[in-house]
Amino acid sequence: MDRAETLEEAAKAVIATMWSLPELAGLAIGDLERIPLGRLRRNATRLHAVCRYRKGVSKANNIGPTDVRCVDVHPEALTEDWARYASFLLFHEYLHALGNTNHDRRFRTLEALWPDAEARAMGPAFGEHLRARAAKWLWTCPSCGIGHPRSRRSNGRYRCRKCRVVLVDTIRPNT
């Protein structure tokens, strides 16, 4: 998001895009505006966003936006570099809020409706970015120089996939 755009403004833009998709006609898109938005913990490395349901709500039943307690997005996704991915994350979580609780074929078909294909594909790079930020160790190949950010030491057991040379542990600065 550019500095002026907030999570709430991004959510409004995502909902406007959802209104324009004929495949979503008939769903309770208008109720999505009432879902509170929040941020995940900054040190989360695996979770990019989450749709949190109210206590006692069973996902097996017919659920909708009124059953959602909040949608949280990783704060790092709200930076300028990841703004497009943050919009896709909101779209993804809003699909869950509309009752698509599983990542099945139907869900993936709806998810593919997001018009920014490049943003849809940013997930693996964002995950790598989060892990690199949190890493305390860097496993480096002495042959090719490729570094692998890791949260623990290697104990000298791991080899470079490219060169087959044992990776060397170095503690990362700033940790």
N, C-alpha and C. Protein backbone atom coordinates (compact mmCIF):
# COMPACT_ATOMS: atom_id res chain seq x y z
N MET A 1 0.84 -1.15 0.00
CA MET A 1 0.00 0.00 0.00
C MET A 1 0.90 1.23 0.00
N ASP A 2 0.53 2.21 -0.77
CA ASP A 2 1.35 3.40 -0.66
C ASP A 2 1.08 3.99 0.72
N ARG A 3 1.91 4.88 1.13
CA ARG A 3 1.88 5.36 2.51
C ARG A 3 0.49 5.89 2.91
N ALA A 4 -0.24 6.47 1.97
CA ALA A 4 -1.53 7.06 2.30
C ALA A 4 -2.64 6.02 2.38
N GLU A 5 -2.46 4.88 1.72
CA GLU A 5 -3.52 3.88 1.69
C GLU A 5 -3.47 3.02 2.95
N THR A 6 -4.60 2.87 3.59
CA THR A 6 -4.69 2.05 4.79
C THR A 6 -5.28 0.70 4.46
N LEU A 7 -5.27 -0.17 5.43
CA LEU A 7 -5.88 -1.49 5.27
C LEU A 7 -7.37 -1.34 4.96
N GLU A 8 -8.02 -0.40 5.61
CA GLU A 8 -9.46 -0.17 5.38
C GLU A 8 -9.73 0.31 3.96
N GLU A 9 -8.87 1.18 3.44
CA GLU A 9 -9.03 1.65 2.06
C GLU A 9 -8.80 0.52 1.07
N ALA A 10 -7.82 -0.32 1.35
CA ALA A 10 -7.56 -1.48 0.48
C ALA A 10 -8.75 -2.41 0.50
N ALA A 11 -9.35 -2.62 1.67
CA ALA A 11 -10.52 -3.49 1.78
C ALA A 11 -11.68 -2.95 0.95
N LYS A 12 -11.88 -1.65 0.98
CA LYS A 12 -12.95 -1.04 0.16
C LYS A 12 -12.71 -1.28 -1.32
N ALA A 13 -11.46 -1.16 -1.75
CA ALA A 13 -11.12 -1.39 -3.16
C ALA A 13 -11.34 -2.85 -3.53
N VAL A 14 -10.99 -3.77 -2.64
CA VAL A 14 -11.17 -5.19 -2.90
C VAL A 14 -12.66 -5.52 -3.01
N ILE A 15 -13.45 -4.97 -2.10
CA ILE A 15 -14.90 -5.22 -2.13
C ILE A 15 -15.50 -4.64 -3.40
N ALA A 16 -15.04 -3.49 -3.83
CA ALA A 16 -15.53 -2.91 -5.10
C ALA A 16 -15.20 -3.82 -6.27
N THR A 17 -14.02 -4.41 -6.26
CA THR A 17 -13.64 -5.36 -7.31
C THR A 17 -14.54 -6.59 -7.25
N MET A 18 -14.84 -7.05 -6.05
CA MET A 18 -15.70 -8.23 -5.90
C MET A 18 -17.09 -7.96 -6.45
N TRP A 19 -17.61 -6.75 -6.25
CA TRP A 19 -18.92 -6.39 -6.80
C TRP A 19 -18.91 -6.50 -8.33
N SER A 20 -17.76 -6.25 -8.94
CA SER A 20 -17.69 -6.24 -10.41
C SER A 20 -17.56 -7.64 -11.02
N LEU A 21 -17.39 -8.65 -10.19
CA LEU A 21 -17.23 -10.01 -10.69
C LEU A 21 -18.58 -10.73 -10.77
N PRO A 22 -19.08 -11.00 -11.97
CA PRO A 22 -20.41 -11.61 -12.09
C PRO A 22 -20.51 -12.98 -11.41
N GLU A 23 -19.40 -13.69 -11.31
CA GLU A 23 -19.41 -15.02 -10.68
C GLU A 23 -19.73 -14.94 -9.18
N LEU A 24 -19.57 -13.75 -8.59
CA LEU A 24 -19.84 -13.58 -7.16
C LEU A 24 -21.21 -12.97 -6.90
N ALA A 25 -21.97 -12.72 -7.95
CA ALA A 25 -23.31 -12.13 -7.81
C ALA A 25 -24.16 -13.05 -6.93
N GLY A 26 -24.96 -12.47 -6.09
CA GLY A 26 -25.82 -13.25 -5.22
C GLY A 26 -25.20 -13.57 -3.87
N LEU A 27 -23.92 -13.30 -3.71
CA LEU A 27 -23.27 -13.51 -2.42
C LEU A 27 -23.38 -12.24 -1.57
N ALA A 28 -23.21 -12.37 -0.28
CA ALA A 28 -23.39 -11.26 0.66
C ALA A 28 -22.15 -10.35 0.69
N ILE A 29 -21.76 -9.83 -0.45
CA ILE A 29 -20.56 -9.00 -0.54
C ILE A 29 -20.70 -7.73 0.29
N GLY A 30 -21.89 -7.16 0.33
CA GLY A 30 -22.12 -5.93 1.09
C GLY A 30 -21.82 -6.10 2.58
N ASP A 31 -22.03 -7.29 3.11
CA ASP A 31 -21.78 -7.55 4.54
C ASP A 31 -20.29 -7.60 4.87
N LEU A 32 -19.44 -7.75 3.86
CA LEU A 32 -18.00 -7.82 4.11
C LEU A 32 -17.48 -6.51 4.70
N GLU A 33 -18.13 -5.40 4.39
CA GLU A 33 -17.67 -4.09 4.88
C GLU A 33 -17.73 -4.00 6.40
N ARG A 34 -18.56 -4.81 7.03
CA ARG A 34 -18.72 -4.77 8.49
C ARG A 34 -17.70 -5.61 9.24
N ILE A 35 -16.91 -6.39 8.52
CA ILE A 35 -15.92 -7.25 9.18
C ILE A 35 -14.75 -6.39 9.66
N PRO A 36 -14.44 -6.45 10.96
CA PRO A 36 -13.29 -5.70 11.47
C PRO A 36 -11.99 -6.24 10.87
N LEU A 37 -11.06 -5.34 10.63
CA LEU A 37 -9.77 -5.69 10.05
C LEU A 37 -8.69 -5.50 11.11
N GLY A 38 -7.67 -6.36 11.05
CA GLY A 38 -6.58 -6.25 12.01
C GLY A 38 -5.27 -6.71 11.38
N ARG A 39 -4.27 -6.77 12.23
CA ARG A 39 -2.94 -7.16 11.77
C ARG A 39 -2.45 -8.35 12.58
N LEU A 40 -1.75 -9.24 11.91
CA LEU A 40 -1.10 -10.36 12.58
C LEU A 40 0.12 -9.86 13.34
N ARG A 41 0.68 -10.72 14.18
CA ARG A 41 1.93 -10.36 14.86
C ARG A 41 3.03 -10.18 13.82
N ARG A 42 3.89 -9.23 14.05
CA ARG A 42 4.96 -8.91 13.11
C ARG A 42 5.93 -10.08 12.92
N ASN A 43 6.09 -10.92 13.94
CA ASN A 43 7.05 -12.02 13.84
C ASN A 43 6.45 -13.30 13.27
N ALA A 44 5.20 -13.27 12.81
CA ALA A 44 4.61 -14.44 12.15
C ALA A 44 5.36 -14.70 10.84
N THR A 45 5.71 -15.96 10.60
CA THR A 45 6.45 -16.26 9.37
C THR A 45 5.69 -17.18 8.43
N ARG A 46 4.72 -17.89 8.92
CA ARG A 46 3.99 -18.82 8.05
C ARG A 46 2.62 -18.31 7.65
N LEU A 47 2.02 -17.50 8.47
CA LEU A 47 0.67 -17.00 8.23
C LEU A 47 0.74 -15.65 7.54
N HIS A 48 0.05 -15.53 6.42
CA HIS A 48 0.04 -14.26 5.68
C HIS A 48 -1.21 -13.46 5.99
N ALA A 49 -2.33 -14.14 6.19
CA ALA A 49 -3.59 -13.52 6.57
C ALA A 49 -4.50 -14.62 7.10
N VAL A 50 -5.55 -14.22 7.83
CA VAL A 50 -6.46 -15.22 8.40
C VAL A 50 -7.85 -14.62 8.56
N CYS A 51 -8.84 -15.46 8.33
CA CYS A 51 -10.24 -15.12 8.58
C CYS A 51 -10.62 -15.81 9.89
N ARG A 52 -10.88 -15.02 10.93
CA ARG A 52 -11.17 -15.59 12.25
C ARG A 52 -12.68 -15.57 12.48
N TYR A 53 -13.23 -16.73 12.79
CA TYR A 53 -14.66 -16.85 13.00
C TYR A 53 -15.02 -16.61 14.46
N ARG A 54 -16.28 -16.24 14.70
CA ARG A 54 -16.75 -16.03 16.06
C ARG A 54 -16.72 -17.36 16.82
N LYS A 55 -16.63 -17.26 18.13
CA LYS A 55 -16.61 -18.43 18.98
C LYS A 55 -17.90 -19.24 18.79
N GLY A 56 -17.74 -20.54 18.66
CA GLY A 56 -18.90 -21.41 18.54
C GLY A 56 -19.41 -21.61 17.13
N VAL A 57 -18.86 -20.89 16.16
CA VAL A 57 -19.30 -21.03 14.77
C VAL A 57 -18.69 -22.29 14.19
N SER A 58 -19.52 -23.12 13.61
CA SER A 58 -19.04 -24.34 12.96
C SER A 58 -18.93 -24.08 11.47
N LYS A 59 -17.75 -24.32 10.93
CA LYS A 59 -17.54 -24.10 9.49
C LYS A 59 -18.33 -25.11 8.65
N ALA A 60 -18.81 -26.17 9.29
CA ALA A 60 -19.59 -27.17 8.56
C ALA A 60 -20.98 -26.62 8.20
N ASN A 61 -21.46 -25.66 8.97
CA ASN A 61 -22.78 -25.07 8.70
C ASN A 61 -22.67 -23.99 7.64
N ASN A 62 -23.79 -23.52 7.19
CA ASN A 62 -23.83 -22.44 6.20
C ASN A 62 -23.43 -21.15 6.89
N ILE A 63 -22.21 -20.70 6.65
CA ILE A 63 -21.72 -19.50 7.34
C ILE A 63 -21.61 -18.34 6.36
N GLY A 64 -21.51 -17.15 6.92
CA GLY A 64 -21.38 -15.95 6.11
C GLY A 64 -20.60 -14.88 6.84
N PRO A 65 -20.56 -13.68 6.30
CA PRO A 65 -19.77 -12.60 6.90
C PRO A 65 -20.16 -12.26 8.34
N THR A 66 -21.40 -12.47 8.72
CA THR A 66 -21.80 -12.15 10.10
C THR A 66 -21.20 -13.13 11.10
N ASP A 67 -20.68 -14.26 10.63
CA ASP A 67 -20.06 -15.25 11.51
C ASP A 67 -18.56 -15.01 11.69
N VAL A 68 -18.03 -13.97 11.04
CA VAL A 68 -16.60 -13.68 11.08
C VAL A 68 -16.32 -12.64 12.16
N ARG A 69 -15.36 -12.96 13.03
CA ARG A 69 -14.95 -12.03 14.09
C ARG A 69 -14.05 -10.94 13.53
N CYS A 70 -13.08 -11.33 12.67
CA CYS A 70 -12.18 -10.35 12.06
C CYS A 70 -11.35 -11.02 10.96
N VAL A 71 -10.75 -10.19 10.14
CA VAL A 71 -9.77 -10.64 9.14
C VAL A 71 -8.48 -9.91 9.47
N ASP A 72 -7.42 -10.70 9.69
CA ASP A 72 -6.11 -10.14 10.02
C ASP A 72 -5.14 -10.37 8.87
N VAL A 73 -4.33 -9.36 8.59
CA VAL A 73 -3.33 -9.42 7.52
C VAL A 73 -1.96 -9.16 8.13
N HIS A 74 -0.95 -9.81 7.60
CA HIS A 74 0.41 -9.60 8.10
C HIS A 74 0.81 -8.15 7.86
N PRO A 75 1.37 -7.47 8.87
CA PRO A 75 1.73 -6.06 8.71
C PRO A 75 2.77 -5.82 7.60
N GLU A 76 3.62 -6.79 7.35
CA GLU A 76 4.62 -6.64 6.29
C GLU A 76 3.96 -6.59 4.91
N ALA A 77 2.79 -7.23 4.77
CA ALA A 77 2.05 -7.20 3.50
C ALA A 77 1.46 -5.82 3.24
N LEU A 78 1.39 -5.02 4.27
CA LEU A 78 0.79 -3.69 4.13
C LEU A 78 1.81 -2.63 3.75
N THR A 79 3.01 -3.06 3.41
CA THR A 79 4.03 -2.11 2.95
C THR A 79 3.87 -1.88 1.45
N GLU A 80 4.52 -0.87 0.97
CA GLU A 80 4.41 -0.50 -0.44
C GLU A 80 4.82 -1.64 -1.38
N ASP A 81 5.87 -2.38 -1.01
CA ASP A 81 6.37 -3.46 -1.86
C ASP A 81 5.38 -4.60 -2.04
N TRP A 82 4.52 -4.82 -1.05
CA TRP A 82 3.62 -5.98 -1.06
C TRP A 82 2.15 -5.58 -1.15
N ALA A 83 1.85 -4.35 -1.47
CA ALA A 83 0.46 -3.85 -1.47
C ALA A 83 -0.46 -4.68 -2.37
N ARG A 84 0.01 -5.04 -3.53
CA ARG A 84 -0.83 -5.82 -4.45
C ARG A 84 -1.14 -7.19 -3.86
N TYR A 85 -0.17 -7.78 -3.21
CA TYR A 85 -0.38 -9.08 -2.57
C TYR A 85 -1.36 -8.94 -1.40
N ALA A 86 -1.27 -7.83 -0.66
CA ALA A 86 -2.19 -7.60 0.46
C ALA A 86 -3.63 -7.53 -0.05
N SER A 87 -3.85 -6.91 -1.19
CA SER A 87 -5.20 -6.86 -1.76
C SER A 87 -5.69 -8.26 -2.11
N PHE A 88 -4.82 -9.07 -2.68
CA PHE A 88 -5.19 -10.45 -2.98
C PHE A 88 -5.48 -11.22 -1.69
N LEU A 89 -4.68 -11.01 -0.64
CA LEU A 89 -4.92 -11.68 0.63
C LEU A 89 -6.31 -11.33 1.18
N LEU A 90 -6.68 -10.06 1.09
CA LEU A 90 -8.01 -9.66 1.54
C LEU A 90 -9.08 -10.37 0.73
N PHE A 91 -8.91 -10.43 -0.59
CA PHE A 91 -9.85 -11.12 -1.45
C PHE A 91 -9.97 -12.59 -1.02
N HIS A 92 -8.84 -13.23 -0.80
CA HIS A 92 -8.81 -14.64 -0.39
C HIS A 92 -9.59 -14.83 0.92
N GLU A 93 -9.32 -13.98 1.91
CA GLU A 93 -9.99 -14.11 3.21
C GLU A 93 -11.47 -13.76 3.11
N TYR A 94 -11.82 -12.82 2.26
CA TYR A 94 -13.23 -12.50 2.06
C TYR A 94 -13.97 -13.66 1.42
N LEU A 95 -13.31 -14.41 0.56
CA LEU A 95 -13.94 -15.61 0.00
C LEU A 95 -14.25 -16.61 1.12
N HIS A 96 -13.34 -16.73 2.08
CA HIS A 96 -13.61 -17.58 3.24
C HIS A 96 -14.82 -17.04 4.01
N ALA A 97 -14.85 -15.73 4.21
CA ALA A 97 -15.94 -15.11 4.97
C ALA A 97 -17.30 -15.33 4.29
N LEU A 98 -17.29 -15.48 2.99
CA LEU A 98 -18.54 -15.69 2.25
C LEU A 98 -18.99 -17.15 2.31
N GLY A 99 -18.29 -17.99 3.06
CA GLY A 99 -18.73 -19.36 3.26
C GLY A 99 -17.89 -20.41 2.58
N ASN A 100 -16.85 -20.02 1.89
CA ASN A 100 -15.96 -20.97 1.22
C ASN A 100 -14.81 -21.30 2.17
N THR A 101 -15.06 -22.24 3.08
CA THR A 101 -14.10 -22.47 4.16
C THR A 101 -12.94 -23.37 3.78
N ASN A 102 -13.10 -24.19 2.77
CA ASN A 102 -12.03 -25.12 2.38
C ASN A 102 -11.30 -24.62 1.14
N HIS A 103 -10.07 -25.04 1.01
CA HIS A 103 -9.29 -24.71 -0.19
C HIS A 103 -9.49 -25.80 -1.24
N ASP A 104 -10.74 -26.02 -1.60
CA ASP A 104 -11.06 -27.05 -2.57
C ASP A 104 -11.09 -26.46 -3.99
N ARG A 105 -11.50 -27.27 -4.95
CA ARG A 105 -11.51 -26.83 -6.34
C ARG A 105 -12.42 -25.61 -6.54
N ARG A 106 -13.58 -25.61 -5.89
CA ARG A 106 -14.50 -24.47 -6.02
C ARG A 106 -13.84 -23.19 -5.51
N PHE A 107 -13.18 -23.30 -4.35
CA PHE A 107 -12.51 -22.14 -3.77
C PHE A 107 -11.41 -21.64 -4.71
N ARG A 108 -10.59 -22.55 -5.23
CA ARG A 108 -9.50 -22.15 -6.12
C ARG A 108 -10.02 -21.51 -7.40
N THR A 109 -11.19 -21.96 -7.88
CA THR A 109 -11.80 -21.35 -9.06
C THR A 109 -12.22 -19.92 -8.76
N LEU A 110 -12.82 -19.71 -7.59
CA LEU A 110 -13.21 -18.35 -7.19
C LEU A 110 -11.98 -17.48 -6.97
N GLU A 111 -10.97 -18.03 -6.34
CA GLU A 111 -9.73 -17.30 -6.06
C GLU A 111 -9.07 -16.83 -7.36
N ALA A 112 -9.17 -17.65 -8.40
CA ALA A 112 -8.56 -17.31 -9.69
C ALA A 112 -9.27 -16.15 -10.39
N LEU A 113 -10.40 -15.71 -9.85
CA LEU A 113 -11.11 -14.57 -10.42
C LEU A 113 -10.40 -13.24 -10.14
N TRP A 114 -9.49 -13.24 -9.16
CA TRP A 114 -8.80 -11.99 -8.83
C TRP A 114 -8.07 -11.51 -10.08
N PRO A 115 -8.32 -10.26 -10.51
CA PRO A 115 -7.81 -9.80 -11.80
C PRO A 115 -6.29 -9.63 -11.89
N ASP A 116 -5.60 -9.52 -10.78
CA ASP A 116 -4.15 -9.31 -10.80
C ASP A 116 -3.44 -10.66 -10.63
N ALA A 117 -3.16 -11.33 -11.75
CA ALA A 117 -2.54 -12.66 -11.72
C ALA A 117 -1.16 -12.62 -11.07
N GLU A 118 -0.44 -11.55 -11.29
CA GLU A 118 0.90 -11.43 -10.70
C GLU A 118 0.81 -11.40 -9.17
N ALA A 119 -0.17 -10.68 -8.63
CA ALA A 119 -0.37 -10.62 -7.18
C ALA A 119 -0.76 -11.98 -6.63
N ARG A 120 -1.56 -12.74 -7.38
CA ARG A 120 -1.94 -14.09 -6.94
C ARG A 120 -0.72 -14.98 -6.79
N ALA A 121 0.31 -14.73 -7.56
CA ALA A 121 1.51 -15.58 -7.56
C ALA A 121 2.59 -15.11 -6.58
N MET A 122 2.33 -14.07 -5.82
CA MET A 122 3.35 -13.50 -4.94
C MET A 122 3.52 -14.24 -3.61
N GLY A 123 2.67 -15.20 -3.32
CA GLY A 123 2.69 -15.89 -2.03
C GLY A 123 4.03 -16.53 -1.67
N PRO A 124 4.60 -17.35 -2.54
CA PRO A 124 5.89 -17.97 -2.19
C PRO A 124 7.00 -16.94 -1.93
N ALA A 125 7.05 -15.89 -2.72
CA ALA A 125 8.07 -14.86 -2.51
C ALA A 125 7.85 -14.13 -1.19
N PHE A 126 6.58 -13.90 -0.83
CA PHE A 126 6.28 -13.23 0.44
C PHE A 126 6.69 -14.13 1.60
N GLY A 127 6.41 -15.42 1.50
CA GLY A 127 6.81 -16.35 2.55
C GLY A 127 8.32 -16.39 2.72
N GLU A 128 9.03 -16.40 1.61
CA GLU A 128 10.50 -16.38 1.67
C GLU A 128 11.00 -15.08 2.30
N HIS A 129 10.36 -13.98 1.96
CA HIS A 129 10.70 -12.68 2.54
C HIS A 129 10.53 -12.70 4.06
N LEU A 130 9.41 -13.26 4.54
CA LEU A 130 9.17 -13.32 5.98
C LEU A 130 10.20 -14.21 6.68
N ARG A 131 10.50 -15.35 6.09
CA ARG A 131 11.48 -16.25 6.71
C ARG A 131 12.87 -15.62 6.72
N ALA A 132 13.22 -14.91 5.67
CA ALA A 132 14.53 -14.26 5.61
C ALA A 132 14.65 -13.17 6.68
N ARG A 133 13.57 -12.45 6.93
CA ARG A 133 13.58 -11.41 7.96
C ARG A 133 13.78 -12.00 9.35
N ALA A 134 13.23 -13.20 9.57
CA ALA A 134 13.25 -13.80 10.90
C ALA A 134 14.49 -14.68 11.14
N ALA A 135 15.25 -14.96 10.11
CA ALA A 135 16.36 -15.91 10.23
C ALA A 135 17.49 -15.38 11.11
N LYS A 136 18.01 -16.26 11.95
CA LYS A 136 19.16 -15.92 12.78
C LYS A 136 20.45 -16.46 12.20
N TRP A 137 20.33 -17.45 11.33
CA TRP A 137 21.49 -18.11 10.74
C TRP A 137 21.42 -18.01 9.23
N LEU A 138 22.58 -18.01 8.62
CA LEU A 138 22.66 -18.06 7.17
C LEU A 138 23.55 -19.24 6.82
N TRP A 139 22.95 -20.23 6.14
CA TRP A 139 23.72 -21.37 5.68
C TRP A 139 24.24 -21.00 4.31
N THR A 140 25.56 -20.88 4.17
CA THR A 140 26.17 -20.41 2.93
C THR A 140 27.00 -21.52 2.29
N CYS A 141 26.90 -21.60 0.97
CA CYS A 141 27.73 -22.55 0.23
C CYS A 141 29.08 -21.90 -0.05
N PRO A 142 30.17 -22.50 0.42
CA PRO A 142 31.48 -21.91 0.18
C PRO A 142 31.89 -21.96 -1.29
N SER A 143 31.23 -22.79 -2.07
CA SER A 143 31.58 -22.93 -3.47
C SER A 143 30.88 -21.89 -4.35
N CYS A 144 29.55 -21.84 -4.28
CA CYS A 144 28.80 -20.93 -5.16
C CYS A 144 28.34 -19.65 -4.46
N GLY A 145 28.42 -19.62 -3.13
CA GLY A 145 28.07 -18.42 -2.39
C GLY A 145 26.59 -18.22 -2.12
N ILE A 146 25.74 -19.15 -2.54
CA ILE A 146 24.30 -19.02 -2.29
C ILE A 146 24.05 -19.17 -0.79
N GLY A 147 23.24 -18.26 -0.25
CA GLY A 147 22.92 -18.29 1.17
C GLY A 147 21.48 -18.74 1.38
N HIS A 148 21.26 -19.47 2.46
CA HIS A 148 19.94 -19.97 2.82
C HIS A 148 19.62 -19.48 4.23
N PRO A 149 18.74 -18.49 4.38
CA PRO A 149 18.39 -18.02 5.72
C PRO A 149 17.65 -19.11 6.50
N ARG A 150 18.06 -19.36 7.72
CA ARG A 150 17.46 -20.41 8.54
C ARG A 150 17.30 -19.94 9.98
N SER A 151 16.41 -20.58 10.71
CA SER A 151 16.19 -20.20 12.10
C SER A 151 17.10 -20.96 13.07
N ARG A 152 17.75 -22.03 12.60
CA ARG A 152 18.65 -22.78 13.49
C ARG A 152 19.94 -23.16 12.77
N ARG A 153 20.90 -23.60 13.57
CA ARG A 153 22.19 -24.02 13.02
C ARG A 153 22.01 -25.30 12.21
N SER A 154 22.97 -25.57 11.33
CA SER A 154 22.87 -26.75 10.47
C SER A 154 23.59 -27.97 11.03
N ASN A 155 24.46 -27.80 11.99
CA ASN A 155 25.26 -28.91 12.54
C ASN A 155 26.12 -29.59 11.47
N GLY A 156 26.40 -28.89 10.38
CA GLY A 156 27.28 -29.42 9.35
C GLY A 156 26.71 -30.60 8.57
N ARG A 157 25.39 -30.78 8.61
CA ARG A 157 24.79 -31.94 7.96
C ARG A 157 24.18 -31.64 6.60
N TYR A 158 24.05 -30.39 6.25
CA TYR A 158 23.32 -30.05 5.04
C TYR A 158 24.27 -29.62 3.92
N ARG A 159 23.90 -29.97 2.70
CA ARG A 159 24.73 -29.68 1.53
C ARG A 159 23.98 -28.78 0.57
N CYS A 160 24.74 -28.04 -0.21
CA CYS A 160 24.19 -27.20 -1.26
C CYS A 160 23.56 -28.10 -2.32
N ARG A 161 22.35 -27.77 -2.74
CA ARG A 161 21.68 -28.57 -3.77
C ARG A 161 22.39 -28.48 -5.12
N LYS A 162 23.05 -27.36 -5.34
CA LYS A 162 23.72 -27.15 -6.62
C LYS A 162 25.10 -27.81 -6.65
N CYS A 163 25.91 -27.55 -5.62
CA CYS A 163 27.32 -27.97 -5.62
C CYS A 163 27.60 -29.24 -4.82
N ARG A 164 26.66 -29.61 -3.96
CA ARG A 164 26.82 -30.77 -3.07
C ARG A 164 27.92 -30.56 -2.03
N VAL A 165 28.28 -29.31 -1.76
CA VAL A 165 29.30 -28.97 -0.76
C VAL A 165 28.57 -28.70 0.56
N VAL A 166 29.19 -29.07 1.70
CA VAL A 166 28.59 -28.84 3.01
C VAL A 166 28.44 -27.34 3.24
N LEU A 167 27.23 -26.93 3.67
CA LEU A 167 26.95 -25.52 3.92
C LEU A 167 27.62 -25.08 5.22
N VAL A 168 28.05 -23.83 5.26
CA VAL A 168 28.74 -23.26 6.41
C VAL A 168 27.76 -22.35 7.14
N ASP A 169 27.68 -22.48 8.47
CA ASP A 169 26.83 -21.63 9.30
C ASP A 169 27.49 -20.30 9.58
N THR A 170 26.74 -19.24 9.44
CA THR A 170 27.19 -17.94 9.93
C THR A 170 26.01 -17.29 10.62
N ILE A 171 26.28 -16.67 11.73
CA ILE A 171 25.21 -15.97 12.43
C ILE A 171 24.94 -14.67 11.68
N ARG A 172 23.71 -14.35 11.51
CA ARG A 172 23.36 -13.14 10.75
C ARG A 172 23.50 -11.91 11.62
N PRO A 173 24.02 -10.85 11.08
CA PRO A 173 24.05 -9.60 11.84
C PRO A 173 22.62 -9.11 12.05
N ASN A 174 22.41 -8.22 12.99
CA ASN A 174 21.10 -7.64 13.30
C ASN A 174 20.19 -8.63 14.01
N THR A 175 20.72 -9.69 14.60
CA THR A 175 19.85 -10.63 15.33
C THR A 175 20.17 -10.63 16.79
